[in-house]
Amino acid sequence: MSYSPVLPQFGGTNGQALTVLQFDLQLQSAADAKKKADTLALERAMAPARLPTTATDKLISSIEAALQVRLAYAYADQIFTNIDTEGPVSIELGETTITYSRTNGYLTIDIIDDVGATTQFGIDLGGG
């Protein structure tokens, strides 16, 4: 008497069992896909409605960006062209503070943003 495995997971080749396993996998995949689609649909339904971006919104964003560039340029110009300072000079921009000092050709800049993160760096303006 000999035994031949008929289930594919044990090395056998039972066509009906293989078909049933494949069908079960397809059902599970379809159920997983439906569950994922339902979750995404619920997230979209719960998200606040976004108004479409209009040409006016784009124009306002462009103007704001241009103003920020000009302000940044003006402050950078002030920092780099200011003669040696006796002590640190601070610039307040909303909740952000930029403090700089320029002593003996060395520029030190500290930036503290609105969440308290600090960026510090120094530049040797004398090139030496």
C-alpha atoms as a PDB file:
ATOM      1  CA  MET A   1       0.000   0.000   0.000  1.00  0.00           C
ATOM      2  CA  SER A   2       1.353   3.429  -0.883  1.00  0.00           C
ATOM      3  CA  TYR A   3       0.152   6.899  -0.143  1.00  0.00           C
ATOM      4  CA  SER A   4       0.355   9.746  -2.629  1.00  0.00           C
ATOM      5  CA  PRO A   5      -0.300  13.209  -1.243  1.00  0.00           C
ATOM      6  CA  VAL A   6      -3.246  14.893  -2.875  1.00  0.00           C
ATOM      7  CA  LEU A   7      -3.173  18.280  -1.202  1.00  0.00           C
ATOM      8  CA  PRO A   8      -0.897  20.836  -2.883  1.00  0.00           C
ATOM      9  CA  GLN A   9       0.419  22.150   0.460  1.00  0.00           C
ATOM     10  CA  PHE A  10       1.855  18.668   1.081  1.00  0.00           C
ATOM     11  CA  GLY A  11       3.327  18.240  -2.371  1.00  0.00           C
ATOM     12  CA  GLY A  12       0.379  16.549  -4.011  1.00  0.00           C
ATOM     13  CA  THR A  13      -1.455  17.476  -7.139  1.00  0.00           C
ATOM     14  CA  ASN A  14      -5.157  17.392  -6.497  1.00  0.00           C
ATOM     15  CA  GLY A  15      -6.763  19.609  -9.109  1.00  0.00           C
ATOM     16  CA  GLN A  16      -9.960  20.123  -7.149  1.00  0.00           C
ATOM     17  CA  ALA A  17      -8.131  21.041  -3.910  1.00  0.00           C
ATOM     18  CA  LEU A  18      -5.879  23.415  -5.854  1.00  0.00           C
ATOM     19  CA  THR A  19      -8.908  25.069  -7.442  1.00  0.00           C
ATOM     20  CA  VAL A  20     -10.589  25.443  -4.037  1.00  0.00           C
ATOM     21  CA  LEU A  21      -7.411  26.966  -2.542  1.00  0.00           C
ATOM     22  CA  GLN A  22      -7.057  29.407  -5.432  1.00  0.00           C
ATOM     23  CA  PHE A  23     -10.723  30.383  -5.121  1.00  0.00           C
ATOM     24  CA  ASP A  24     -10.305  30.959  -1.363  1.00  0.00           C
ATOM     25  CA  LEU A  25      -7.255  33.146  -2.033  1.00  0.00           C
ATOM     26  CA  GLN A  26      -9.193  35.155  -4.610  1.00  0.00           C
ATOM     27  CA  LEU A  27     -12.063  35.621  -2.167  1.00  0.00           C
ATOM     28  CA  GLN A  28      -9.647  36.757   0.553  1.00  0.00           C
ATOM     29  CA  SER A  29      -7.896  39.160  -1.854  1.00  0.00           C
ATOM     30  CA  ALA A  30     -11.240  40.590  -2.938  1.00  0.00           C
ATOM     31  CA  ALA A  31     -12.326  40.986   0.690  1.00  0.00           C
ATOM     32  CA  ASP A  32      -9.022  42.719   1.555  1.00  0.00           C
ATOM     33  CA  ALA A  33      -9.364  45.039  -1.448  1.00  0.00           C
ATOM     34  CA  LYS A  34     -12.976  45.889  -0.498  1.00  0.00           C
ATOM     35  CA  LYS A  35     -11.956  46.569   3.108  1.00  0.00           C
ATOM     36  CA  LYS A  36      -9.121  48.843   1.949  1.00  0.00           C
ATOM     37  CA  ALA A  37     -11.425  50.669  -0.491  1.00  0.00           C
ATOM     38  CA  ASP A  38     -14.029  51.130   2.272  1.00  0.00           C
ATOM     39  CA  THR A  39     -11.375  52.551   4.614  1.00  0.00           C
ATOM     40  CA  LEU A  40     -10.149  55.006   1.952  1.00  0.00           C
ATOM     41  CA  ALA A  41     -13.721  56.050   1.133  1.00  0.00           C
ATOM     42  CA  LEU A  42     -14.409  56.697   4.827  1.00  0.00           C
ATOM     43  CA  GLU A  43     -11.212  58.758   5.162  1.00  0.00           C
ATOM     44  CA  ARG A  44     -12.205  60.831   2.113  1.00  0.00           C
ATOM     45  CA  ALA A  45     -15.725  61.328   3.472  1.00  0.00           C
ATOM     46  CA  MET A  46     -14.398  62.463   6.871  1.00  0.00           C
ATOM     47  CA  ALA A  47     -11.793  64.836   5.409  1.00  0.00           C
ATOM     48  CA  PRO A  48     -12.742  68.496   5.304  1.00  0.00           C
ATOM     49  CA  ALA A  49     -13.889  69.696   1.918  1.00  0.00           C
ATOM     50  CA  ARG A  50     -11.230  71.505  -0.082  1.00  0.00           C
ATOM     51  CA  LEU A  51     -12.297  74.343  -2.245  1.00  0.00           C
ATOM     52  CA  PRO A  52     -10.943  74.283  -5.782  1.00  0.00           C
ATOM     53  CA  THR A  53      -7.896  76.457  -6.383  1.00  0.00           C
ATOM     54  CA  THR A  54      -8.876  79.484  -8.415  1.00  0.00           C
ATOM     55  CA  ALA A  55      -6.740  81.785 -10.537  1.00  0.00           C
ATOM     56  CA  THR A  56      -7.073  84.406  -7.780  1.00  0.00           C
ATOM     57  CA  ASP A  57      -5.713  81.931  -5.199  1.00  0.00           C
ATOM     58  CA  LYS A  58      -2.718  81.259  -7.449  1.00  0.00           C
ATOM     59  CA  LEU A  59      -2.120  84.981  -7.903  1.00  0.00           C
ATOM     60  CA  ILE A  60      -2.264  85.596  -4.142  1.00  0.00           C
ATOM     61  CA  SER A  61       0.186  82.724  -3.525  1.00  0.00           C
ATOM     62  CA  SER A  62       2.561  84.165  -6.120  1.00  0.00           C
ATOM     63  CA  ILE A  63       2.389  87.632  -4.573  1.00  0.00           C
ATOM     64  CA  GLU A  64       3.014  86.208  -1.091  1.00  0.00           C
ATOM     65  CA  ALA A  65       6.013  84.257  -2.378  1.00  0.00           C
ATOM     66  CA  ALA A  66       7.433  87.347  -4.108  1.00  0.00           C
ATOM     67  CA  LEU A  67       7.004  89.413  -0.938  1.00  0.00           C
ATOM     68  CA  GLN A  68       8.721  86.740   1.140  1.00  0.00           C
ATOM     69  CA  VAL A  69      11.644  86.697  -1.287  1.00  0.00           C
ATOM     70  CA  ARG A  70      11.961  90.493  -1.112  1.00  0.00           C
ATOM     71  CA  LEU A  71      11.809  90.460   2.693  1.00  0.00           C
ATOM     72  CA  ALA A  72      14.388  87.698   2.872  1.00  0.00           C
ATOM     73  CA  TYR A  73      16.658  89.615   0.489  1.00  0.00           C
ATOM     74  CA  ALA A  74      16.269  92.817   2.513  1.00  0.00           C
ATOM     75  CA  TYR A  75      17.089  91.074   5.794  1.00  0.00           C
ATOM     76  CA  ALA A  76      20.023  89.192   4.266  1.00  0.00           C
ATOM     77  CA  ASP A  77      21.311  92.470   2.830  1.00  0.00           C
ATOM     78  CA  GLN A  78      21.019  94.077   6.263  1.00  0.00           C
ATOM     79  CA  ILE A  79      22.871  91.199   7.902  1.00  0.00           C
ATOM     80  CA  PHE A  80      25.708  91.080   5.372  1.00  0.00           C
ATOM     81  CA  THR A  81      26.247  94.801   4.846  1.00  0.00           C
ATOM     82  CA  ASN A  82      25.973  95.909   8.461  1.00  0.00           C
ATOM     83  CA  ILE A  83      29.338  97.013   9.823  1.00  0.00           C
ATOM     84  CA  ASP A  84      30.745  95.291  12.887  1.00  0.00           C
ATOM     85  CA  THR A  85      28.127  95.266  15.622  1.00  0.00           C
ATOM     86  CA  GLU A  86      28.893  95.992  19.273  1.00  0.00           C
ATOM     87  CA  GLY A  87      26.499  93.269  20.344  1.00  0.00           C
ATOM     88  CA  PRO A  88      23.972  90.893  18.836  1.00  0.00           C
ATOM     89  CA  VAL A  89      21.221  92.408  16.674  1.00  0.00           C
ATOM     90  CA  SER A  90      17.800  90.707  16.604  1.00  0.00           C
ATOM     91  CA  ILE A  91      15.144  90.701  13.917  1.00  0.00           C
ATOM     92  CA  GLU A  92      11.649  89.477  14.862  1.00  0.00           C
ATOM     93  CA  LEU A  93       9.568  87.949  12.076  1.00  0.00           C
ATOM     94  CA  GLY A  94       6.314  86.773  13.629  1.00  0.00           C
ATOM     95  CA  GLU A  95       7.345  83.946  15.956  1.00  0.00           C
ATOM     96  CA  THR A  96      10.804  83.594  14.363  1.00  0.00           C
ATOM     97  CA  THR A  97      13.838  85.424  15.735  1.00  0.00           C
ATOM     98  CA  ILE A  98      17.035  85.975  13.768  1.00  0.00           C
ATOM     99  CA  THR A  99      19.958  87.138  15.883  1.00  0.00           C
ATOM    100  CA  TYR A 100      23.272  88.060  14.310  1.00  0.00           C
ATOM    101  CA  SER A 101      26.522  89.654  15.291  1.00  0.00           C
ATOM    102  CA  ARG A 102      29.473  90.664  13.187  1.00  0.00           C
ATOM    103  CA  THR A 103      32.800  90.954  14.944  1.00  0.00           C
ATOM    104  CA  ASN A 104      36.270  91.198  13.397  1.00  0.00           C
ATOM    105  CA  GLY A 105      35.040  89.961   9.994  1.00  0.00           C
ATOM    106  CA  TYR A 106      33.199  86.955  11.430  1.00  0.00           C
ATOM    107  CA  LEU A 107      29.404  86.766  11.115  1.00  0.00           C
ATOM    108  CA  THR A 108      27.413  84.612  13.537  1.00  0.00           C
ATOM    109  CA  ILE A 109      23.732  83.947  12.845  1.00  0.00           C
ATOM    110  CA  ASP A 110      21.183  82.212  15.121  1.00  0.00           C
ATOM    111  CA  ILE A 111      17.669  81.512  13.884  1.00  0.00           C
ATOM    112  CA  ILE A 112      14.992  80.341  16.315  1.00  0.00           C
ATOM    113  CA  ASP A 113      11.748  79.374  14.588  1.00  0.00           C
ATOM    114  CA  ASP A 114       8.174  79.349  15.874  1.00  0.00           C
ATOM    115  CA  VAL A 115       8.491  75.831  17.366  1.00  0.00           C
ATOM    116  CA  GLY A 116      11.763  76.617  19.134  1.00  0.00           C
ATOM    117  CA  ALA A 117      14.107  74.823  16.728  1.00  0.00           C
ATOM    118  CA  THR A 118      17.444  76.595  16.493  1.00  0.00           C
ATOM    119  CA  THR A 119      19.784  76.900  13.513  1.00  0.00           C
ATOM    120  CA  GLN A 120      23.230  78.367  14.174  1.00  0.00           C
ATOM    121  CA  PHE A 121      26.073  79.070  11.799  1.00  0.00           C
ATOM    122  CA  GLY A 122      29.001  81.379  11.300  1.00  0.00           C
ATOM    123  CA  ILE A 123      30.691  82.825   8.231  1.00  0.00           C
ATOM    124  CA  ASP A 124      34.235  84.131   7.968  1.00  0.00           C
ATOM    125  CA  LEU A 125      33.715  87.256   5.867  1.00  0.00           C
ATOM    126  CA  GLY A 126      37.425  87.942   5.709  1.00  0.00           C
ATOM    127  CA  GLY A 127      37.954  84.879   3.558  1.00  0.00           C
ATOM    128  CA  GLY A 128      40.736  83.643   5.804  1.00  0.00           C
END
